[in-house]
Amino acid sequence: MGSTITLHDLAKTYPNGQRAVRQVSLTVQDGEFLVLLGPSGCGKSTLLRMIAGLETISGGELRLNGEIANHLQPSERDIAMIFQSFALYPNMTTAQNIGFPLAVQKQDHDQVSARVQSVARMLGIDHLLDQTPGRLSGGERQRVAMGRAVVRRPSVFLMDEPLSSLDTRLRTRLRTEMLAVTRSTGATTIYVTHDQAEAMALGDRVAVMRDGILQQVDTPRALYALPANAFVASFVGTPRINLLHGTVFAPVDGVMALNFGAQKLTLSYPLTHDHQMLRVVQGQPLLIGLRPEAIRIADKAHATAFERAMTGVVEHTEFQGHEALLHLSLGGQRADVPAPLSDHAPYNPARRNAADLLRELRRRTGLFDRRLTPAGPTQPPVQPPARQGIGELVIRDEPGALNRRGQHIPLLIDVRNLLIFDERGERISPDPTRVPDL
């Protein structure tokens, strides 16, 4: 059986004043596999060590199965931890390493031997029980470390980047095995990683952190489709989301469009609820997010009702084997993820964000209930900014396509999949109550 883990405003501040974790609140359900995801130094490993009892808690409350655990010793928490470094005893055999936690508890020798044999068979290392760690490969040593954690039958597994030192092929194989083992035990698992592909593959839910602040907690699908902010959008997804500077142009008697600089992107008519909301932010600086799969090269197939045309200039082709990535210039300006505000509020699932306020405005005023006729003046011309880097847009293409630098490519943009953020990086569209089809 697993254990419910509840964090309420959990914080860690070191004596030198460094704030490693800032008021993190979340609940990990019994038997859930939760992944803590974020860049190096964001506080995810510190948070894990606080749950394990290896770091003191500066503020807030930690509960294990409803009981306050702030001051419990690590040995009193029924938690097993798996580290990146394996942490095996070099002078012990595989069997002795796996059985060590039970030997410390002075359990019966025959029972310990039977448990070790059972766990070793489950992990496929029963033929290595007489070997010492120095004679094992990296993957075999990680299985031994996993076996040592599993043999205790804990209610909670805490894993701190356990696969990051292994090669890509072995890491992909072992993460599947690790997930199967934790599922079979029913234990609650918190897994720390900086690899978004690993997080999306493993987690029932993923919690994204930045600078000690919890940014968003959601299922992998919802996290990808409806990121809370530009940081989450850019951190999740390969290749990275296209993020561009833009503004909304919304004449009362004309067609709404997004202005990217040298080009504009007209929106579908009649406007969707998400696009109606954008009238409120007309003229304000925005960040426009486009996943690569929301863009396709125009071919003989007709554009759908939700696709709009633009043109890109090939700056670079990146061959990936199964596909090619085209780096294109639109004559716009690529945007960076905004720096976090020093007084940024911690993540709160119930907070009212910009989209919530816009929906409330719509309800109170009926502002977006008017029927508009798609006619009127076009968008005023805007001088394109200087071209930078190797293009501000990345799209997928067939690996055998012959696209040369400088070639003009006709594009179709699916406007249903636009992600709109304000200048601070907070998402204002699409509607967070709706998860679009991917």
Protein backbone atom coordinates (compact mmCIF):
# COMPACT_ATOMS: atom_id res chain seq x y z
CA MET A 1 0.00 0.00 0.00
CA GLY A 2 1.05 3.57 -0.64
CA SER A 3 0.77 6.68 1.47
CA THR A 4 -0.87 10.06 0.87
CA ILE A 5 1.67 12.91 0.95
CA THR A 6 0.39 16.42 1.62
CA LEU A 7 2.53 19.55 1.42
CA HIS A 8 1.09 22.83 2.69
CA ASP A 9 3.17 25.97 2.10
CA LEU A 10 6.37 23.94 2.45
CA ALA A 11 9.46 26.17 2.39
CA LYS A 12 13.22 25.87 2.70
CA THR A 13 15.49 28.84 3.44
CA TYR A 14 19.19 28.30 4.11
CA PRO A 15 21.12 30.25 6.78
CA ASN A 16 22.66 32.48 4.09
CA GLY A 17 19.16 33.63 3.10
CA GLN A 18 18.86 31.56 -0.08
CA ARG A 19 15.25 30.48 -0.62
CA ALA A 20 15.42 27.06 -2.25
CA VAL A 21 11.73 26.13 -1.94
CA ARG A 22 8.93 28.69 -1.68
CA GLN A 23 5.56 27.78 -0.18
CA VAL A 24 4.90 24.62 -2.18
CA SER A 25 1.42 23.15 -1.69
CA LEU A 26 0.29 19.90 -3.32
CA THR A 27 -1.14 16.48 -2.49
CA VAL A 28 0.21 13.18 -3.85
CA GLN A 29 -2.47 10.52 -3.69
CA ASP A 30 -2.05 6.98 -2.42
CA GLY A 31 -0.32 4.93 -5.14
CA GLU A 32 0.20 7.90 -7.49
CA PHE A 33 3.37 8.36 -9.55
CA LEU A 34 4.16 12.09 -9.42
CA VAL A 35 7.12 13.59 -11.30
CA LEU A 36 8.86 16.77 -10.11
CA LEU A 37 10.19 18.45 -13.26
CA GLY A 38 12.35 21.51 -13.66
CA PRO A 39 15.81 22.83 -14.58
CA SER A 40 18.87 22.32 -12.39
CA GLY A 41 18.73 24.42 -9.24
CA CYS A 42 14.95 24.88 -9.21
CA GLY A 43 14.51 23.21 -5.80
CA LYS A 44 13.04 19.86 -6.82
CA SER A 45 15.75 17.72 -5.17
CA THR A 46 15.62 19.89 -2.04
CA LEU A 47 11.88 19.35 -1.87
CA LEU A 48 12.38 15.59 -2.21
CA ARG A 49 14.96 15.58 0.60
CA MET A 50 12.59 17.52 2.85
CA ILE A 51 9.95 14.83 2.34
CA ALA A 52 12.57 12.15 3.09
CA GLY A 53 13.72 13.92 6.27
CA LEU A 54 17.23 14.59 4.93
CA GLU A 55 16.65 18.38 4.93
CA THR A 56 15.01 20.38 7.70
CA ILE A 57 11.77 22.19 6.88
CA SER A 58 11.93 25.98 7.30
CA GLY A 59 8.21 26.58 7.04
CA GLY A 60 4.91 24.95 6.22
CA GLU A 61 3.61 21.50 6.95
CA LEU A 62 4.34 17.98 5.71
CA ARG A 63 1.77 15.26 6.33
CA LEU A 64 2.16 11.54 5.64
CA ASN A 65 -1.20 9.76 5.65
CA GLY A 66 -2.67 12.73 7.46
CA GLU A 67 -0.09 12.77 10.27
CA ILE A 68 2.29 15.73 10.66
CA ALA A 69 5.80 14.52 9.76
CA ASN A 70 7.91 17.71 9.90
CA HIS A 71 10.11 16.45 12.73
CA LEU A 72 10.04 12.69 12.16
CA GLN A 73 13.39 10.98 11.66
CA PRO A 74 13.99 9.49 8.18
CA SER A 75 13.75 5.98 9.65
CA GLU A 76 10.27 6.77 11.00
CA ARG A 77 8.75 7.79 7.65
CA ASP A 78 8.48 4.39 5.88
CA ILE A 79 10.21 5.87 2.84
CA ALA A 80 12.77 4.34 0.46
CA MET A 81 14.99 6.62 -1.61
CA ILE A 82 16.84 5.83 -4.86
CA PHE A 83 19.69 8.16 -5.84
CA GLN A 84 21.48 8.98 -9.06
CA SER A 85 24.77 7.62 -7.67
CA PHE A 86 23.38 4.13 -6.82
CA ALA A 87 25.05 4.30 -3.34
CA LEU A 88 25.90 0.59 -3.18
CA TYR A 89 28.38 -0.94 -0.74
CA PRO A 90 31.39 -1.92 -2.91
CA ASN A 91 32.52 -4.78 -0.65
CA MET A 92 29.09 -6.45 -0.58
CA THR A 93 27.58 -8.81 -3.13
CA THR A 94 24.35 -8.02 -4.97
CA ALA A 95 22.43 -10.24 -2.53
CA GLN A 96 23.97 -8.51 0.48
CA ASN A 97 23.27 -5.03 -0.94
CA ILE A 98 19.63 -5.85 -1.65
CA GLY A 99 19.10 -7.52 1.72
CA PHE A 100 20.95 -4.89 3.77
CA PRO A 101 17.84 -2.99 5.01
CA LEU A 102 16.33 -6.26 6.28
CA ALA A 103 19.60 -7.38 7.88
CA VAL A 104 19.78 -4.08 9.79
CA GLN A 105 16.32 -4.86 11.17
CA LYS A 106 17.71 -8.27 12.28
CA GLN A 107 15.05 -10.21 10.38
CA ASP A 108 15.27 -13.98 10.05
CA HIS A 109 18.05 -15.02 7.65
CA ASP A 110 15.89 -17.45 5.67
CA GLN A 111 13.13 -14.85 5.24
CA VAL A 112 15.67 -12.27 4.10
CA SER A 113 17.14 -14.72 1.57
CA ALA A 114 13.69 -15.55 0.18
CA ARG A 115 12.76 -11.86 -0.14
CA VAL A 116 16.05 -11.08 -1.88
CA GLN A 117 15.58 -13.95 -4.34
CA SER A 118 12.03 -12.81 -5.11
CA VAL A 119 13.01 -9.17 -5.72
CA ALA A 120 16.06 -10.18 -7.80
CA ARG A 121 13.89 -12.36 -10.06
CA MET A 122 11.43 -9.50 -10.53
CA LEU A 123 14.27 -7.20 -11.60
CA GLY A 124 16.02 -9.81 -13.76
CA ILE A 125 19.25 -9.84 -11.72
CA ASP A 126 18.89 -13.17 -9.89
CA HIS A 127 21.93 -14.49 -11.82
CA LEU A 128 24.07 -11.65 -10.40
CA LEU A 129 23.48 -12.23 -6.69
CA ASP A 130 27.11 -13.30 -6.06
CA GLN A 131 28.66 -10.37 -7.95
CA THR A 132 30.03 -7.20 -6.34
CA PRO A 133 29.07 -3.73 -7.74
CA GLY A 134 32.47 -3.28 -9.40
CA ARG A 135 31.72 -6.15 -11.79
CA LEU A 136 28.26 -4.85 -12.78
CA SER A 137 27.22 -2.47 -15.56
CA GLY A 138 25.52 0.84 -14.81
CA GLY A 139 22.09 -0.57 -15.58
CA GLU A 140 22.70 -3.62 -13.38
CA ARG A 141 23.88 -1.45 -10.49
CA GLN A 142 20.73 0.67 -10.79
CA ARG A 143 18.60 -2.48 -10.65
CA VAL A 144 20.43 -3.51 -7.46
CA ALA A 145 19.74 -0.07 -5.95
CA MET A 146 16.09 -0.43 -6.94
CA GLY A 147 15.98 -3.91 -5.40
CA ARG A 148 17.37 -2.61 -2.11
CA ALA A 149 14.54 -0.07 -2.00
CA VAL A 150 11.81 -2.51 -3.06
CA VAL A 151 12.79 -5.28 -0.63
CA ARG A 152 11.69 -3.13 2.31
CA ARG A 153 8.16 -2.83 0.88
CA PRO A 154 7.91 0.87 1.79
CA SER A 155 4.77 2.94 1.38
CA VAL A 156 6.68 5.71 -0.46
CA PHE A 157 9.44 5.71 -3.08
CA LEU A 158 11.46 8.89 -3.58
CA MET A 159 13.68 8.85 -6.67
CA ASP A 160 16.24 11.60 -7.31
CA GLU A 161 17.21 11.50 -11.01
CA PRO A 162 18.04 7.77 -10.75
CA LEU A 163 18.65 7.28 -14.48
CA SER A 164 20.46 10.47 -15.49
CA SER A 165 23.94 8.88 -15.49
CA LEU A 166 22.93 6.11 -17.93
CA ASP A 167 22.98 6.19 -21.73
CA THR A 168 19.80 7.07 -23.60
CA ARG A 169 18.83 3.57 -24.74
CA LEU A 170 19.31 2.02 -21.29
CA ARG A 171 17.53 4.95 -19.63
CA THR A 172 14.46 4.43 -21.84
CA ARG A 173 14.39 0.71 -21.03
CA LEU A 174 14.92 1.10 -17.28
CA ARG A 175 12.29 3.79 -16.81
CA THR A 176 9.66 1.38 -18.13
CA GLU A 177 10.88 -1.33 -15.78
CA MET A 178 10.98 1.10 -12.87
CA LEU A 179 7.40 2.14 -13.51
CA ALA A 180 6.28 -1.49 -13.63
CA VAL A 181 8.01 -2.25 -10.31
CA THR A 182 6.45 0.70 -8.48
CA ARG A 183 3.02 -0.15 -9.89
CA SER A 184 3.36 -3.75 -8.66
CA THR A 185 4.16 -2.63 -5.11
CA GLY A 186 1.33 -0.07 -4.93
CA ALA A 187 3.71 2.46 -3.35
CA THR A 188 3.31 6.21 -3.78
CA THR A 189 6.22 7.52 -5.89
CA ILE A 190 7.77 10.96 -6.32
CA TYR A 191 10.34 11.04 -9.12
CA VAL A 192 12.69 13.98 -9.73
CA THR A 193 14.03 14.72 -13.22
CA HIS A 194 15.07 17.57 -15.49
CA ASP A 195 14.18 15.49 -18.59
CA GLN A 196 10.72 16.48 -19.82
CA ALA A 197 10.42 13.42 -22.06
CA GLU A 198 11.03 11.19 -19.04
CA ALA A 199 8.51 13.15 -16.98
CA MET A 200 5.79 12.94 -19.63
CA ALA A 201 6.38 9.21 -20.13
CA LEU A 202 6.27 8.27 -16.43
CA GLY A 203 4.02 10.60 -14.48
CA ASP A 204 0.36 10.20 -13.60
CA ARG A 205 0.80 13.90 -12.95
CA VAL A 206 3.76 16.23 -13.45
CA ALA A 207 4.66 19.13 -11.13
CA VAL A 208 6.79 21.80 -12.84
CA MET A 209 9.07 23.94 -10.67
CA ARG A 210 11.05 27.10 -11.34
CA ASP A 211 13.25 28.96 -8.85
CA GLY A 212 11.69 27.12 -5.91
CA ILE A 213 8.14 27.96 -6.99
CA LEU A 214 5.60 25.39 -8.14
CA GLN A 215 4.39 26.55 -11.54
CA GLN A 216 1.76 23.93 -12.43
CA VAL A 217 0.62 20.42 -11.46
CA ASP A 218 -1.39 18.45 -14.02
CA THR A 219 -1.58 15.35 -16.18
CA PRO A 220 1.02 15.19 -18.98
CA ARG A 221 -1.68 15.76 -21.62
CA ALA A 222 -3.20 18.80 -19.91
CA LEU A 223 0.25 20.19 -19.09
CA TYR A 224 1.17 20.09 -22.78
CA ALA A 225 -2.13 21.41 -24.12
CA LEU A 226 -2.87 24.06 -21.49
CA PRO A 227 0.36 25.24 -19.85
CA ALA A 228 -0.20 27.77 -17.06
CA ASN A 229 2.51 30.07 -18.38
CA ALA A 230 5.18 30.51 -21.03
CA PHE A 231 7.83 28.80 -18.89
CA VAL A 232 5.81 25.59 -18.65
CA ALA A 233 4.94 25.78 -22.35
CA SER A 234 8.61 26.12 -23.32
CA PHE A 235 9.87 23.47 -20.90
CA VAL A 236 7.42 20.76 -21.99
CA GLY A 237 7.47 19.50 -25.57
CA THR A 238 10.08 18.55 -28.19
CA PRO A 239 10.90 20.46 -30.29
CA ARG A 240 10.34 23.45 -28.06
CA ILE A 241 7.23 25.57 -28.60
CA ASN A 242 7.57 28.51 -30.99
CA LEU A 243 7.22 31.69 -28.91
CA LEU A 244 6.87 35.00 -30.77
CA HIS A 245 6.13 38.60 -29.92
CA GLY A 246 2.77 39.81 -31.24
CA THR A 247 -0.28 41.98 -30.69
CA VAL A 248 -4.01 41.64 -31.32
CA PHE A 249 -5.62 43.83 -33.99
CA ALA A 250 -9.41 43.83 -33.48
CA PRO A 251 -11.38 46.50 -35.36
CA VAL A 252 -15.01 46.70 -34.28
CA ASP A 253 -16.25 46.19 -37.84
CA GLY A 254 -13.42 44.07 -39.20
CA VAL A 255 -11.60 40.74 -38.91
CA MET A 256 -9.50 40.08 -35.84
CA ALA A 257 -5.84 39.28 -36.53
CA LEU A 258 -2.59 38.64 -34.72
CA ASN A 259 0.22 40.93 -35.80
CA PHE A 260 3.67 39.30 -35.86
CA GLY A 261 5.49 42.18 -37.53
CA ALA A 262 5.89 41.63 -41.26
CA GLN A 263 2.91 39.25 -41.40
CA LYS A 264 -0.49 38.89 -39.78
CA LEU A 265 -2.58 35.88 -38.91
CA THR A 266 -6.33 36.36 -39.31
CA LEU A 267 -8.59 34.42 -36.96
CA SER A 268 -11.57 32.26 -37.86
CA TYR A 269 -15.04 33.77 -38.19
CA PRO A 270 -17.32 33.48 -36.31
CA LEU A 271 -14.85 33.86 -33.48
CA THR A 272 -14.44 31.08 -30.98
CA HIS A 273 -14.95 31.87 -27.30
CA ASP A 274 -11.16 31.80 -26.81
CA HIS A 275 -10.55 34.29 -29.60
CA GLN A 276 -13.37 36.59 -28.46
CA MET A 277 -11.54 36.97 -25.17
CA LEU A 278 -8.55 38.46 -26.99
CA ARG A 279 -10.42 41.69 -27.78
CA VAL A 280 -9.80 42.82 -24.21
CA VAL A 281 -6.01 42.74 -24.73
CA GLN A 282 -5.99 44.54 -28.10
CA GLY A 283 -2.79 46.54 -28.59
CA GLN A 284 -1.03 45.07 -25.56
CA PRO A 285 2.30 43.24 -26.03
CA LEU A 286 1.68 39.51 -26.07
CA LEU A 287 3.61 36.27 -26.45
CA ILE A 288 2.14 33.92 -29.06
CA GLY A 289 2.88 30.23 -28.65
CA LEU A 290 2.64 27.74 -31.52
CA ARG A 291 3.49 24.07 -31.17
CA PRO A 292 5.24 22.67 -34.27
CA GLU A 293 2.30 20.32 -34.94
CA ALA A 294 -0.04 23.33 -35.23
CA ILE A 295 1.78 24.33 -38.43
CA ARG A 296 1.99 22.44 -41.70
CA ILE A 297 3.40 23.11 -45.12
CA ALA A 298 0.61 23.96 -47.55
CA ASP A 299 0.21 21.24 -50.16
CA LYS A 300 -2.47 20.15 -52.62
CA ALA A 301 -4.92 19.45 -49.78
CA HIS A 302 -7.28 22.34 -49.11
CA ALA A 303 -6.95 24.38 -45.94
CA THR A 304 -9.46 23.55 -43.23
CA ALA A 305 -11.86 26.14 -41.84
CA PHE A 306 -9.46 26.75 -38.95
CA GLU A 307 -6.23 27.12 -40.93
CA ARG A 308 -4.78 30.42 -42.07
CA ALA A 309 -1.95 31.07 -44.52
CA MET A 310 1.47 32.55 -43.81
CA THR A 311 4.86 32.33 -45.51
CA GLY A 312 8.18 31.28 -44.01
CA VAL A 313 11.72 31.55 -45.37
CA VAL A 314 13.99 28.55 -44.74
CA GLU A 315 17.00 29.50 -42.64
CA HIS A 316 18.21 26.04 -41.59
CA THR A 317 17.23 22.35 -41.94
CA GLU A 318 17.86 20.00 -39.04
CA PHE A 319 17.78 16.32 -40.04
CA GLN A 320 16.44 14.03 -37.28
CA GLY A 321 16.21 10.71 -39.15
CA HIS A 322 12.47 10.08 -38.89
CA GLU A 323 11.72 13.75 -39.63
CA ALA A 324 13.34 17.05 -40.51
CA LEU A 325 12.98 20.26 -38.53
CA LEU A 326 12.78 23.42 -40.59
CA HIS A 327 13.90 26.67 -39.00
CA LEU A 328 11.93 29.45 -40.69
CA SER A 329 11.81 33.22 -40.57
CA LEU A 330 8.42 34.97 -40.62
CA GLY A 331 9.84 38.47 -40.43
CA GLY A 332 8.77 38.58 -36.79
CA GLN A 333 10.60 38.51 -33.48
CA ARG A 334 11.30 35.40 -31.44
CA ALA A 335 10.40 35.78 -27.76
CA ASP A 336 12.24 34.50 -24.72
CA VAL A 337 10.49 33.22 -21.61
CA PRO A 338 10.06 36.22 -19.26
CA ALA A 339 12.21 36.24 -16.14
CA PRO A 340 10.29 35.36 -12.98
CA LEU A 341 9.09 38.24 -10.83
CA SER A 342 10.72 38.48 -7.41
CA ASP A 343 7.32 38.67 -5.74
CA HIS A 344 5.73 35.97 -7.91
CA ALA A 345 2.96 34.24 -5.99
CA PRO A 346 3.31 30.48 -5.44
CA TYR A 347 1.24 28.14 -7.55
CA ASN A 348 -2.33 27.86 -6.34
CA PRO A 349 -4.79 25.76 -8.38
CA ALA A 350 -7.66 27.98 -7.21
CA ARG A 351 -6.09 31.35 -8.11
CA ARG A 352 -7.88 33.68 -10.52
CA ASN A 353 -5.67 34.14 -13.57
CA ALA A 354 -6.12 36.51 -16.50
CA ALA A 355 -8.41 34.09 -18.30
CA ASP A 356 -10.66 33.85 -15.23
CA LEU A 357 -10.96 37.63 -15.10
CA LEU A 358 -11.78 37.83 -18.81
CA ARG A 359 -14.54 35.24 -18.44
CA GLU A 360 -15.99 37.21 -15.53
CA LEU A 361 -15.91 40.37 -17.63
CA ARG A 362 -17.74 38.57 -20.41
CA ARG A 363 -20.42 37.34 -18.00
CA ARG A 364 -21.00 40.76 -16.45
CA THR A 365 -20.97 42.91 -19.59
CA GLY A 366 -21.96 40.65 -22.47
CA LEU A 367 -19.08 42.30 -24.30
CA PHE A 368 -18.43 39.35 -26.58
CA ASP A 369 -22.03 38.46 -27.39
CA ARG A 370 -22.25 40.88 -30.31
CA ARG A 371 -22.23 39.46 -33.84
CA LEU A 372 -19.54 41.14 -35.89
CA THR A 373 -19.38 41.36 -39.65
CA PRO A 374 -16.06 40.32 -41.17
CA ALA A 375 -15.49 43.50 -43.10
CA GLY A 376 -13.63 46.76 -42.63
CA PRO A 377 -10.11 48.15 -42.63
CA THR A 378 -7.14 45.85 -42.73
CA GLN A 379 -4.32 45.81 -40.22
CA PRO A 380 -2.00 48.82 -40.45
CA PRO A 381 1.45 47.98 -41.82
CA VAL A 382 4.20 47.35 -39.30
CA GLN A 383 7.91 47.48 -40.07
CA PRO A 384 9.48 44.05 -39.54
CA PRO A 385 12.21 43.86 -36.90
CA ALA A 386 15.73 42.88 -37.77
CA ARG A 387 16.08 39.16 -38.50
CA GLN A 388 17.83 37.26 -35.73
CA GLY A 389 19.48 33.87 -35.34
CA ILE A 390 18.32 31.10 -37.65
CA GLY A 391 14.62 31.90 -37.68
CA GLU A 392 11.89 32.31 -35.10
CA LEU A 393 9.75 29.34 -36.14
CA VAL A 394 10.45 25.58 -36.10
CA ILE A 395 8.16 23.13 -37.91
CA ARG A 396 8.26 19.44 -38.78
CA ASP A 397 8.70 18.18 -42.32
CA GLU A 398 9.20 14.87 -44.13
CA PRO A 399 12.82 13.67 -43.81
CA GLY A 400 13.22 13.33 -47.59
CA ALA A 401 11.97 16.84 -48.44
CA LEU A 402 14.49 19.05 -50.24
CA ASN A 403 14.23 22.51 -48.71
CA ARG A 404 17.10 24.87 -49.27
CA ARG A 405 18.13 27.94 -47.33
CA GLY A 406 16.32 31.03 -48.62
CA GLN A 407 13.38 29.07 -50.08
CA HIS A 408 9.90 30.51 -49.43
CA ILE A 409 7.54 27.93 -47.89
CA PRO A 410 3.74 28.39 -47.84
CA LEU A 411 2.39 27.54 -44.38
CA LEU A 412 -0.99 26.80 -42.85
CA ILE A 413 -1.49 27.67 -39.17
CA ASP A 414 -4.26 25.99 -37.16
CA VAL A 415 -5.57 28.93 -35.14
CA ARG A 416 -7.38 26.64 -32.68
CA ASN A 417 -4.01 25.67 -31.23
CA LEU A 418 -2.71 29.14 -30.47
CA LEU A 419 -1.43 29.70 -26.94
CA ILE A 420 -1.57 33.36 -25.92
CA PHE A 421 0.43 34.73 -22.97
CA ASP A 422 0.64 38.24 -21.53
CA GLU A 423 3.99 40.03 -21.31
CA ARG A 424 4.65 38.44 -17.89
CA GLY A 425 4.21 35.01 -19.46
CA GLU A 426 0.83 34.13 -17.87
CA ARG A 427 -1.56 32.31 -20.21
CA ILE A 428 -4.73 34.19 -21.17
CA SER A 429 -5.97 31.87 -23.93
CA PRO A 430 -7.18 29.24 -24.58
CA ASP A 431 -9.90 28.75 -21.99
CA PRO A 432 -8.43 26.57 -19.18
CA THR A 433 -11.75 24.73 -18.81
CA ARG A 434 -11.24 23.22 -22.26
CA VAL A 435 -8.53 20.72 -23.18
CA PRO A 436 -8.22 20.72 -26.99
CA ASP A 437 -7.77 17.56 -29.02
CA LEU A 438 -4.13 16.87 -29.85
